[in-house]
Amino acid sequence: MKRFLVLVVVGVITIAVLFFFTNPEFLDKIWLWIIGFIGYVLVLLEKGLGIIKEAFKKDEKTMPPLSNDNVQKLGTHIKHLEEKIIQIEQNLNAIRQKSTQ
């Protein structure tokens, strides 16, 4: 199957080259389109290579170690958020009780 695909591609390219040699005036009409298409193919290949490079790139960003001061700030922030969650739960329970009465 791979050989068939290669033969088809080679055949299409050969027919295109023969067509342009026998009808050079047709090439005058479409040469800008051909150059533009080649440009798009090159941009596509460049973006694809960039995506592949990014996929295999090592992530060298490391987090700095937490200091005791930052750990304490984080702990107080977590406690504050937990208190808010408890208040929200209490409000929701109060609303449920009012709606069931």
Protein backbone atom coordinates (compact mmCIF):
# COMPACT_ATOMS: atom_id res chain seq x y z
CA MET A 1 0.00 0.00 0.00
CA LYS A 2 2.90 2.34 0.75
CA ARG A 3 4.38 1.68 -2.67
CA PHE A 4 1.07 2.45 -4.32
CA LEU A 5 0.85 5.82 -2.58
CA VAL A 6 4.43 6.65 -3.58
CA LEU A 7 3.68 5.65 -7.18
CA VAL A 8 0.57 7.86 -7.22
CA VAL A 9 2.51 10.86 -5.87
CA VAL A 10 5.33 10.35 -8.38
CA GLY A 11 2.77 9.99 -11.17
CA VAL A 12 0.94 13.20 -10.22
CA ILE A 13 4.21 15.13 -10.02
CA THR A 14 5.33 13.74 -13.39
CA ILE A 15 2.02 14.64 -15.05
CA ALA A 16 2.18 18.16 -13.56
CA VAL A 17 5.74 18.70 -14.83
CA LEU A 18 4.86 17.40 -18.31
CA PHE A 19 1.73 19.58 -18.37
CA PHE A 20 3.71 22.70 -17.51
CA PHE A 21 6.40 21.90 -20.10
CA THR A 22 3.81 21.44 -22.83
CA ASN A 23 1.67 24.45 -21.74
CA PRO A 24 4.04 27.08 -20.30
CA GLU A 25 1.43 29.84 -20.74
CA PHE A 26 -0.69 28.15 -18.07
CA LEU A 27 2.19 28.47 -15.61
CA ASP A 28 2.14 32.25 -16.10
CA LYS A 29 -1.41 32.31 -14.75
CA ILE A 30 -0.87 30.27 -11.58
CA TRP A 31 2.74 30.85 -10.51
CA LEU A 32 1.74 33.30 -7.75
CA TRP A 33 -0.68 30.75 -6.32
CA ILE A 34 2.02 28.08 -6.36
CA ILE A 35 4.50 30.34 -4.52
CA GLY A 36 1.82 31.32 -1.99
CA PHE A 37 0.96 27.67 -1.37
CA ILE A 38 4.63 26.85 -0.83
CA GLY A 39 4.78 29.68 1.71
CA TYR A 40 1.83 28.24 3.64
CA VAL A 41 3.42 24.80 3.61
CA LEU A 42 6.67 26.23 5.00
CA VAL A 43 4.82 28.12 7.76
CA LEU A 44 2.90 24.95 8.64
CA LEU A 45 6.12 22.95 8.84
CA GLU A 46 7.77 25.63 11.00
CA LYS A 47 4.85 25.69 13.44
CA GLY A 48 4.76 21.90 13.56
CA LEU A 49 8.46 21.72 14.37
CA GLY A 50 7.98 24.36 17.07
CA ILE A 51 5.16 22.34 18.65
CA ILE A 52 7.27 19.18 18.58
CA LYS A 53 10.20 21.01 20.18
CA GLU A 54 7.94 22.35 22.93
CA ALA A 55 6.57 18.86 23.58
CA PHE A 56 10.03 17.43 24.24
CA LYS A 57 11.43 20.47 26.02
CA LYS A 58 12.35 19.98 29.67
CA ASP A 59 10.57 22.19 32.15
CA GLU A 60 13.33 23.80 34.18
CA LYS A 61 11.11 25.97 36.35
CA THR A 62 11.39 24.96 39.98
CA MET A 63 9.47 26.37 42.89
CA PRO A 64 11.55 28.08 45.56
CA PRO A 65 11.40 26.51 49.00
CA LEU A 66 8.79 27.96 51.33
CA SER A 67 10.08 30.02 54.24
CA ASN A 68 8.54 29.77 57.69
CA ASP A 69 6.93 33.18 57.23
CA ASN A 70 5.23 32.07 54.00
CA VAL A 71 4.09 28.82 55.61
CA GLN A 72 2.47 30.76 58.46
CA LYS A 73 0.73 33.13 56.03
CA LEU A 74 -0.49 30.17 54.03
CA GLY A 75 -1.79 28.46 57.18
CA THR A 76 -3.74 31.55 58.29
CA HIS A 77 -5.16 31.95 54.78
CA ILE A 78 -6.30 28.31 54.77
CA LYS A 79 -7.96 28.73 58.20
CA HIS A 80 -9.74 31.85 56.99
CA LEU A 81 -11.05 29.99 53.92
CA GLU A 82 -12.20 27.06 56.06
CA GLU A 83 -14.15 29.48 58.28
CA LYS A 84 -15.83 30.96 55.21
CA ILE A 85 -16.76 27.47 54.01
CA ILE A 86 -18.30 26.65 57.39
CA GLN A 87 -20.32 29.90 57.29
CA ILE A 88 -21.57 29.11 53.78
CA GLU A 89 -22.59 25.60 54.88
CA GLN A 90 -24.50 27.05 57.83
CA ASN A 91 -26.28 29.54 55.57
CA LEU A 92 -27.22 26.79 53.12
CA ASN A 93 -28.56 24.61 55.94
CA ALA A 94 -30.63 27.54 57.24
CA ILE A 95 -32.05 28.13 53.75
CA ARG A 96 -32.92 24.43 53.38
CA GLN A 97 -34.70 24.42 56.72
CA LYS A 98 -36.74 27.50 55.76
CA SER A 99 -37.68 25.99 52.41
CA THR A 100 -38.87 22.72 53.96
CA GLN A 101 -41.17 24.50 56.49
